Amino acid sequence: MKELIKVEKRQIGNGEINSVDARELHVFLEVQTQFSKWINRRINEYCFTQHIDFITISRNDYSPPRIDYTISIDMAKELSMVERNHKGKDARQYFISMEKQVKELPHQTPSPTWEIESEAIQRMLRSSNAPEHMIATEKYKHVL
């Protein structure tokens, strides 16, 4: 599949995960709102968490200085979906197809990234008072 948005392994939290530059996604989605207003509104509206869903990078080499965001693929999919336009659908399908390609690779030992992501999921389930059967035990964390 043709690369629509550059995906790179980046450090978010305690591990390296596939991520994208939020500014690049913003341009691809053809969002009319100024980037900083758009990203801050979406972070607040959808309760994204720094160091789990995204990281920020202060860029003093711009005038005026700016903040860049590296976001997880999951966050990118959600942002794409909520734009409710054809570009959002294209981006979301692109990210989903990339995930399928990764899943088709030979099974590897779970990486620390999986543990971080599964811990985040577990925290979210616990805080939402999810039924006990939805909360995985330590033994099965690597399969989330």
N, C-alpha and C. Protein backbone atom coordinates (compact mmCIF):
# COMPACT_ATOMS: atom_id res chain seq x y z
N MET A 1 0.84 -1.19 0.00
CA MET A 1 0.00 0.00 0.00
C MET A 1 0.88 1.24 0.00
N LYS A 2 0.46 2.24 -0.74
CA LYS A 2 1.19 3.50 -0.81
C LYS A 2 1.19 4.20 0.55
N GLU A 3 2.34 4.74 0.92
CA GLU A 3 2.46 5.44 2.20
C GLU A 3 1.71 6.76 2.13
N LEU A 4 0.67 6.88 2.94
CA LEU A 4 -0.09 8.12 3.01
C LEU A 4 0.51 9.08 4.03
N ILE A 5 0.90 8.51 5.16
CA ILE A 5 1.45 9.27 6.27
C ILE A 5 2.63 8.48 6.81
N LYS A 6 3.74 9.14 7.01
CA LYS A 6 4.95 8.46 7.47
C LYS A 6 4.76 7.91 8.88
N VAL A 7 5.01 6.61 9.03
CA VAL A 7 4.93 5.95 10.33
C VAL A 7 6.34 5.58 10.76
N GLU A 8 6.67 5.95 12.00
CA GLU A 8 8.00 5.67 12.53
C GLU A 8 7.89 5.11 13.93
N LYS A 9 8.87 4.30 14.30
CA LYS A 9 8.96 3.84 15.69
C LYS A 9 9.51 5.00 16.50
N ARG A 10 8.80 5.36 17.54
CA ARG A 10 9.22 6.45 18.42
C ARG A 10 9.00 6.06 19.86
N GLN A 11 9.74 6.69 20.73
CA GLN A 11 9.62 6.46 22.16
C GLN A 11 8.41 7.22 22.69
N ILE A 12 7.42 6.48 23.17
CA ILE A 12 6.27 7.07 23.86
C ILE A 12 6.10 6.26 25.13
N GLY A 13 6.19 6.90 26.27
CA GLY A 13 6.16 6.16 27.52
C GLY A 13 7.45 5.41 27.70
N ASN A 14 7.35 4.15 28.11
CA ASN A 14 8.54 3.35 28.38
C ASN A 14 8.97 2.47 27.21
N GLY A 15 8.37 2.62 26.06
CA GLY A 15 8.73 1.75 24.94
C GLY A 15 8.62 2.45 23.60
N GLU A 16 9.13 1.78 22.59
CA GLU A 16 9.03 2.28 21.22
C GLU A 16 7.77 1.72 20.59
N ILE A 17 6.97 2.60 20.02
CA ILE A 17 5.77 2.16 19.33
C ILE A 17 5.68 2.87 17.99
N ASN A 18 4.86 2.32 17.09
CA ASN A 18 4.63 2.97 15.82
C ASN A 18 3.85 4.25 16.06
N SER A 19 4.30 5.32 15.43
CA SER A 19 3.68 6.62 15.67
C SER A 19 3.76 7.48 14.42
N VAL A 20 3.03 8.59 14.45
CA VAL A 20 3.04 9.54 13.34
C VAL A 20 3.18 10.96 13.90
N ASP A 21 3.59 11.85 13.05
CA ASP A 21 3.66 13.26 13.39
C ASP A 21 2.25 13.85 13.27
N ALA A 22 1.75 14.44 14.33
CA ALA A 22 0.39 14.97 14.33
C ALA A 22 0.21 16.08 13.29
N ARG A 23 1.25 16.87 13.06
CA ARG A 23 1.14 17.94 12.05
C ARG A 23 0.95 17.35 10.65
N GLU A 24 1.66 16.26 10.39
CA GLU A 24 1.52 15.60 9.08
C GLU A 24 0.10 15.04 8.92
N LEU A 25 -0.44 14.45 9.99
CA LEU A 25 -1.81 13.94 9.94
C LEU A 25 -2.79 15.09 9.73
N HIS A 26 -2.59 16.19 10.43
CA HIS A 26 -3.44 17.38 10.32
C HIS A 26 -3.49 17.86 8.87
N VAL A 27 -2.35 17.92 8.23
CA VAL A 27 -2.29 18.36 6.82
C VAL A 27 -3.01 17.35 5.94
N PHE A 28 -2.72 16.06 6.14
CA PHE A 28 -3.35 15.02 5.31
C PHE A 28 -4.87 15.07 5.43
N LEU A 29 -5.37 15.26 6.65
CA LEU A 29 -6.82 15.28 6.87
C LEU A 29 -7.49 16.54 6.35
N GLU A 30 -6.68 17.52 5.92
CA GLU A 30 -7.17 18.78 5.39
C GLU A 30 -8.05 19.52 6.40
N VAL A 31 -7.61 19.50 7.65
CA VAL A 31 -8.33 20.19 8.73
C VAL A 31 -8.16 21.69 8.53
N GLN A 32 -9.24 22.42 8.63
CA GLN A 32 -9.19 23.87 8.42
C GLN A 32 -8.79 24.65 9.67
N THR A 33 -8.97 24.05 10.83
CA THR A 33 -8.62 24.69 12.10
C THR A 33 -7.11 24.75 12.26
N GLN A 34 -6.59 25.82 12.84
CA GLN A 34 -5.16 25.95 13.11
C GLN A 34 -4.71 24.73 13.91
N PHE A 35 -3.50 24.23 13.60
CA PHE A 35 -3.02 22.99 14.19
C PHE A 35 -3.07 23.00 15.72
N SER A 36 -2.50 24.01 16.37
CA SER A 36 -2.42 24.00 17.84
C SER A 36 -3.81 23.98 18.48
N LYS A 37 -4.76 24.69 17.90
CA LYS A 37 -6.13 24.68 18.43
C LYS A 37 -6.76 23.31 18.21
N TRP A 38 -6.55 22.74 17.03
CA TRP A 38 -7.13 21.44 16.69
C TRP A 38 -6.61 20.34 17.61
N ILE A 39 -5.28 20.24 17.75
CA ILE A 39 -4.71 19.15 18.53
C ILE A 39 -5.09 19.28 20.00
N ASN A 40 -5.04 20.48 20.55
CA ASN A 40 -5.41 20.66 21.96
C ASN A 40 -6.89 20.36 22.20
N ARG A 41 -7.74 20.78 21.28
CA ARG A 41 -9.18 20.48 21.42
C ARG A 41 -9.42 18.98 21.37
N ARG A 42 -8.76 18.28 20.43
CA ARG A 42 -8.95 16.83 20.30
C ARG A 42 -8.40 16.08 21.52
N ILE A 43 -7.26 16.51 22.03
CA ILE A 43 -6.68 15.86 23.21
C ILE A 43 -7.65 15.96 24.38
N ASN A 44 -8.21 17.14 24.59
CA ASN A 44 -9.14 17.34 25.70
C ASN A 44 -10.48 16.64 25.47
N GLU A 45 -10.99 16.76 24.25
CA GLU A 45 -12.29 16.19 23.92
C GLU A 45 -12.31 14.67 24.02
N TYR A 46 -11.21 14.02 23.63
CA TYR A 46 -11.17 12.56 23.60
C TYR A 46 -10.28 11.97 24.70
N CYS A 47 -9.88 12.79 25.65
CA CYS A 47 -9.14 12.35 26.84
C CYS A 47 -7.88 11.55 26.51
N PHE A 48 -7.10 12.01 25.56
CA PHE A 48 -5.82 11.37 25.26
C PHE A 48 -4.85 11.71 26.39
N THR A 49 -3.91 10.80 26.64
CA THR A 49 -2.99 10.94 27.76
C THR A 49 -1.56 11.09 27.28
N GLN A 50 -0.89 12.14 27.75
CA GLN A 50 0.51 12.34 27.40
C GLN A 50 1.34 11.19 27.95
N HIS A 51 2.33 10.77 27.20
CA HIS A 51 3.25 9.67 27.50
C HIS A 51 2.60 8.29 27.34
N ILE A 52 1.33 8.25 26.97
CA ILE A 52 0.68 6.99 26.61
C ILE A 52 0.21 7.09 25.16
N ASP A 53 -0.55 8.15 24.84
CA ASP A 53 -1.07 8.35 23.49
C ASP A 53 -0.19 9.27 22.64
N PHE A 54 0.54 10.15 23.29
CA PHE A 54 1.35 11.12 22.54
C PHE A 54 2.47 11.66 23.42
N ILE A 55 3.43 12.27 22.75
CA ILE A 55 4.46 13.05 23.44
C ILE A 55 4.55 14.40 22.74
N THR A 56 5.06 15.38 23.45
CA THR A 56 5.25 16.71 22.87
C THR A 56 6.74 16.99 22.76
N ILE A 57 7.07 17.79 21.74
CA ILE A 57 8.45 18.19 21.52
C ILE A 57 8.46 19.70 21.33
N SER A 58 9.13 20.41 22.23
CA SER A 58 9.25 21.87 22.11
C SER A 58 10.27 22.18 21.03
N ARG A 59 9.87 23.02 20.09
CA ARG A 59 10.75 23.37 18.97
C ARG A 59 11.08 24.85 19.03
N ASN A 60 12.26 25.17 19.57
CA ASN A 60 12.71 26.55 19.66
C ASN A 60 13.40 27.02 18.40
N ASP A 61 13.58 26.10 17.44
CA ASP A 61 14.23 26.48 16.18
C ASP A 61 13.24 27.13 15.21
N TYR A 62 12.01 27.36 15.65
CA TYR A 62 11.01 28.06 14.86
C TYR A 62 10.75 29.41 15.51
N SER A 63 10.31 30.35 14.71
CA SER A 63 9.96 31.65 15.25
C SER A 63 8.52 31.95 14.85
N PRO A 64 7.61 32.02 15.77
CA PRO A 64 7.78 31.77 17.20
C PRO A 64 7.96 30.28 17.47
N PRO A 65 8.49 29.94 18.65
CA PRO A 65 8.66 28.53 19.00
C PRO A 65 7.32 27.79 18.92
N ARG A 66 7.39 26.49 18.65
CA ARG A 66 6.16 25.72 18.54
C ARG A 66 6.30 24.38 19.27
N ILE A 67 5.19 23.72 19.43
CA ILE A 67 5.18 22.40 20.03
C ILE A 67 4.72 21.40 18.98
N ASP A 68 5.52 20.37 18.77
CA ASP A 68 5.15 19.28 17.88
C ASP A 68 4.65 18.11 18.71
N TYR A 69 3.82 17.28 18.10
CA TYR A 69 3.23 16.13 18.78
C TYR A 69 3.53 14.87 17.99
N THR A 70 4.05 13.87 18.67
CA THR A 70 4.19 12.53 18.10
C THR A 70 3.08 11.73 18.73
N ILE A 71 2.24 11.11 17.89
CA ILE A 71 1.06 10.42 18.41
C ILE A 71 1.09 8.94 18.03
N SER A 72 0.49 8.13 18.89
CA SER A 72 0.41 6.69 18.63
C SER A 72 -0.50 6.43 17.43
N ILE A 73 -0.36 5.25 16.85
CA ILE A 73 -1.23 4.86 15.74
C ILE A 73 -2.69 4.81 16.20
N ASP A 74 -2.93 4.34 17.42
CA ASP A 74 -4.31 4.30 17.93
C ASP A 74 -4.91 5.70 18.00
N MET A 75 -4.12 6.65 18.47
CA MET A 75 -4.61 8.03 18.54
C MET A 75 -4.84 8.56 17.13
N ALA A 76 -3.93 8.25 16.22
CA ALA A 76 -4.06 8.71 14.82
C ALA A 76 -5.33 8.14 14.18
N LYS A 77 -5.63 6.88 14.46
CA LYS A 77 -6.86 6.27 13.92
C LYS A 77 -8.09 6.99 14.46
N GLU A 78 -8.09 7.26 15.75
CA GLU A 78 -9.25 7.92 16.35
C GLU A 78 -9.40 9.34 15.82
N LEU A 79 -8.30 10.07 15.71
CA LEU A 79 -8.38 11.43 15.16
C LEU A 79 -8.88 11.41 13.72
N SER A 80 -8.43 10.43 12.96
CA SER A 80 -8.87 10.30 11.57
C SER A 80 -10.36 10.03 11.50
N MET A 81 -10.83 9.14 12.36
CA MET A 81 -12.23 8.75 12.36
C MET A 81 -13.13 9.93 12.71
N VAL A 82 -12.74 10.72 13.71
CA VAL A 82 -13.63 11.79 14.16
C VAL A 82 -13.67 12.99 13.21
N GLU A 83 -12.79 13.03 12.23
CA GLU A 83 -12.86 14.12 11.25
C GLU A 83 -14.06 13.95 10.32
N ARG A 84 -14.54 12.72 10.19
CA ARG A 84 -15.75 12.42 9.40
C ARG A 84 -15.69 12.98 7.98
N ASN A 85 -14.57 12.72 7.31
CA ASN A 85 -14.48 13.08 5.90
C ASN A 85 -13.75 11.96 5.15
N HIS A 86 -13.67 12.06 3.84
CA HIS A 86 -13.07 10.96 3.06
C HIS A 86 -11.58 10.80 3.37
N LYS A 87 -10.90 11.89 3.67
CA LYS A 87 -9.48 11.79 4.01
C LYS A 87 -9.30 11.06 5.35
N GLY A 88 -10.19 11.32 6.29
CA GLY A 88 -10.16 10.64 7.58
C GLY A 88 -10.38 9.15 7.41
N LYS A 89 -11.32 8.80 6.55
CA LYS A 89 -11.59 7.38 6.29
C LYS A 89 -10.37 6.73 5.63
N ASP A 90 -9.77 7.42 4.67
CA ASP A 90 -8.57 6.88 4.00
C ASP A 90 -7.44 6.66 4.99
N ALA A 91 -7.21 7.63 5.87
CA ALA A 91 -6.13 7.52 6.85
C ALA A 91 -6.40 6.37 7.81
N ARG A 92 -7.62 6.28 8.30
CA ARG A 92 -7.95 5.20 9.24
C ARG A 92 -7.76 3.83 8.59
N GLN A 93 -8.23 3.67 7.36
CA GLN A 93 -8.06 2.40 6.66
C GLN A 93 -6.57 2.09 6.44
N TYR A 94 -5.80 3.11 6.17
CA TYR A 94 -4.35 2.95 5.99
C TYR A 94 -3.72 2.42 7.27
N PHE A 95 -4.05 3.01 8.41
CA PHE A 95 -3.49 2.56 9.69
C PHE A 95 -3.94 1.14 10.02
N ILE A 96 -5.19 0.83 9.74
CA ILE A 96 -5.70 -0.53 9.98
C ILE A 96 -4.97 -1.54 9.11
N SER A 97 -4.75 -1.22 7.85
CA SER A 97 -4.04 -2.16 6.96
C SER A 97 -2.60 -2.36 7.42
N MET A 98 -1.98 -1.32 7.94
CA MET A 98 -0.62 -1.45 8.46
C MET A 98 -0.61 -2.39 9.66
N GLU A 99 -1.59 -2.27 10.53
CA GLU A 99 -1.68 -3.16 11.69
C GLU A 99 -1.84 -4.61 11.25
N LYS A 100 -2.66 -4.82 10.22
CA LYS A 100 -2.86 -6.19 9.72
C LYS A 100 -1.55 -6.76 9.20
N GLN A 101 -0.77 -5.95 8.51
CA GLN A 101 0.52 -6.41 7.99
C GLN A 101 1.43 -6.82 9.14
N VAL A 102 1.45 -6.05 10.21
CA VAL A 102 2.28 -6.37 11.36
C VAL A 102 1.81 -7.67 12.00
N LYS A 103 0.49 -7.85 12.11
CA LYS A 103 -0.05 -9.06 12.73
C LYS A 103 0.27 -10.31 11.90
N GLU A 104 0.46 -10.14 10.60
CA GLU A 104 0.75 -11.28 9.74
C GLU A 104 2.21 -11.70 9.79
N LEU A 105 3.05 -10.88 10.41
CA LEU A 105 4.46 -11.24 10.57
C LEU A 105 4.57 -12.42 11.52
N PRO A 106 5.64 -13.21 11.40
CA PRO A 106 5.81 -14.33 12.33
C PRO A 106 5.76 -13.85 13.78
N HIS A 107 5.16 -14.67 14.63
CA HIS A 107 5.01 -14.32 16.05
C HIS A 107 6.37 -14.09 16.69
N GLN A 108 6.45 -13.03 17.45
CA GLN A 108 7.68 -12.70 18.16
C GLN A 108 7.38 -12.61 19.64
N THR A 109 8.41 -12.68 20.43
CA THR A 109 8.26 -12.50 21.87
C THR A 109 7.70 -11.11 22.12
N PRO A 110 6.72 -11.00 22.99
CA PRO A 110 6.16 -9.68 23.27
C PRO A 110 7.24 -8.69 23.69
N SER A 111 7.12 -7.50 23.17
CA SER A 111 8.09 -6.45 23.49
C SER A 111 7.58 -5.64 24.67
N PRO A 112 8.45 -4.82 25.26
CA PRO A 112 7.99 -3.94 26.34
C PRO A 112 6.84 -3.04 25.89
N THR A 113 6.77 -2.74 24.58
CA THR A 113 5.70 -1.90 24.07
C THR A 113 4.34 -2.52 24.36
N TRP A 114 4.23 -3.84 24.12
CA TRP A 114 2.97 -4.52 24.40
C TRP A 114 2.61 -4.41 25.87
N GLU A 115 3.61 -4.52 26.73
CA GLU A 115 3.34 -4.43 28.16
C GLU A 115 2.83 -3.05 28.52
N ILE A 116 3.42 -2.02 27.94
CA ILE A 116 2.99 -0.65 28.21
C ILE A 116 1.56 -0.45 27.73
N GLU A 117 1.30 -0.88 26.48
CA GLU A 117 -0.04 -0.71 25.94
C GLU A 117 -1.06 -1.50 26.73
N SER A 118 -0.72 -2.74 27.11
CA SER A 118 -1.67 -3.54 27.86
C SER A 118 -1.90 -2.96 29.25
N GLU A 119 -0.85 -2.39 29.87
CA GLU A 119 -1.03 -1.74 31.18
C GLU A 119 -1.97 -0.56 31.05
N ALA A 120 -1.84 0.20 29.99
CA ALA A 120 -2.72 1.35 29.78
C ALA A 120 -4.16 0.88 29.61
N ILE A 121 -4.34 -0.20 28.87
CA ILE A 121 -5.68 -0.74 28.66
C ILE A 121 -6.26 -1.22 29.99
N GLN A 122 -5.44 -1.91 30.76
CA GLN A 122 -5.90 -2.41 32.05
C GLN A 122 -6.31 -1.27 32.97
N ARG A 123 -5.50 -0.20 33.02
CA ARG A 123 -5.84 0.96 33.85
C ARG A 123 -7.17 1.55 33.41
N MET A 124 -7.34 1.66 32.10
CA MET A 124 -8.56 2.23 31.56
C MET A 124 -9.77 1.36 31.94
N LEU A 125 -9.64 0.04 31.81
CA LEU A 125 -10.74 -0.85 32.15
C LEU A 125 -11.06 -0.78 33.64
N ARG A 126 -10.03 -0.76 34.47
CA ARG A 126 -10.26 -0.69 35.92
C ARG A 126 -10.95 0.61 36.30
N SER A 127 -10.51 1.72 35.71
CA SER A 127 -11.09 3.01 36.07
C SER A 127 -12.51 3.16 35.54
N SER A 128 -12.88 2.38 34.54
CA SER A 128 -14.23 2.47 33.99
C SER A 128 -15.19 1.49 34.65
N ASN A 129 -14.70 0.79 35.68
CA ASN A 129 -15.52 -0.21 36.37
C ASN A 129 -16.01 -1.29 35.42
N ALA A 130 -15.14 -1.70 34.50
CA ALA A 130 -15.48 -2.75 33.54
C ALA A 130 -15.68 -4.07 34.28
N PRO A 131 -16.51 -4.96 33.74
CA PRO A 131 -16.70 -6.27 34.37
C PRO A 131 -15.36 -6.98 34.52
N GLU A 132 -15.23 -7.76 35.57
CA GLU A 132 -13.97 -8.44 35.89
C GLU A 132 -13.46 -9.30 34.74
N HIS A 133 -14.37 -9.93 33.97
CA HIS A 133 -13.91 -10.81 32.89
C HIS A 133 -13.21 -10.03 31.76
N MET A 134 -13.39 -8.72 31.71
CA MET A 134 -12.73 -7.92 30.68
C MET A 134 -11.31 -7.53 31.09
N ILE A 135 -11.01 -7.65 32.37
CA ILE A 135 -9.70 -7.24 32.85
C ILE A 135 -8.78 -8.45 32.84
N ALA A 136 -7.78 -8.42 31.98
CA ALA A 136 -6.87 -9.55 31.82
C ALA A 136 -5.99 -9.72 33.05
N THR A 137 -5.62 -10.95 33.31
CA THR A 137 -4.70 -11.20 34.40
C THR A 137 -3.28 -10.95 33.92
N GLU A 138 -2.35 -10.87 34.85
CA GLU A 138 -0.94 -10.66 34.52
C GLU A 138 -0.46 -11.71 33.53
N LYS A 139 -0.94 -12.94 33.68
CA LYS A 139 -0.49 -14.05 32.84
C LYS A 139 -0.75 -13.80 31.36
N TYR A 140 -1.84 -13.08 31.04
CA TYR A 140 -2.22 -12.90 29.65
C TYR A 140 -1.99 -11.49 29.12
N LYS A 141 -1.27 -10.65 29.82
CA LYS A 141 -1.06 -9.26 29.41
C LYS A 141 -0.46 -9.17 28.02
N HIS A 142 0.43 -10.09 27.66
CA HIS A 142 1.13 -9.99 26.39
C HIS A 142 0.24 -10.25 25.19
N VAL A 143 -0.97 -10.75 25.35
CA VAL A 143 -1.83 -11.03 24.20
C VAL A 143 -2.85 -9.94 23.94
N LEU A 144 -2.86 -8.90 24.73
CA LEU A 144 -3.79 -7.81 24.51
C LEU A 144 -3.48 -7.09 23.23
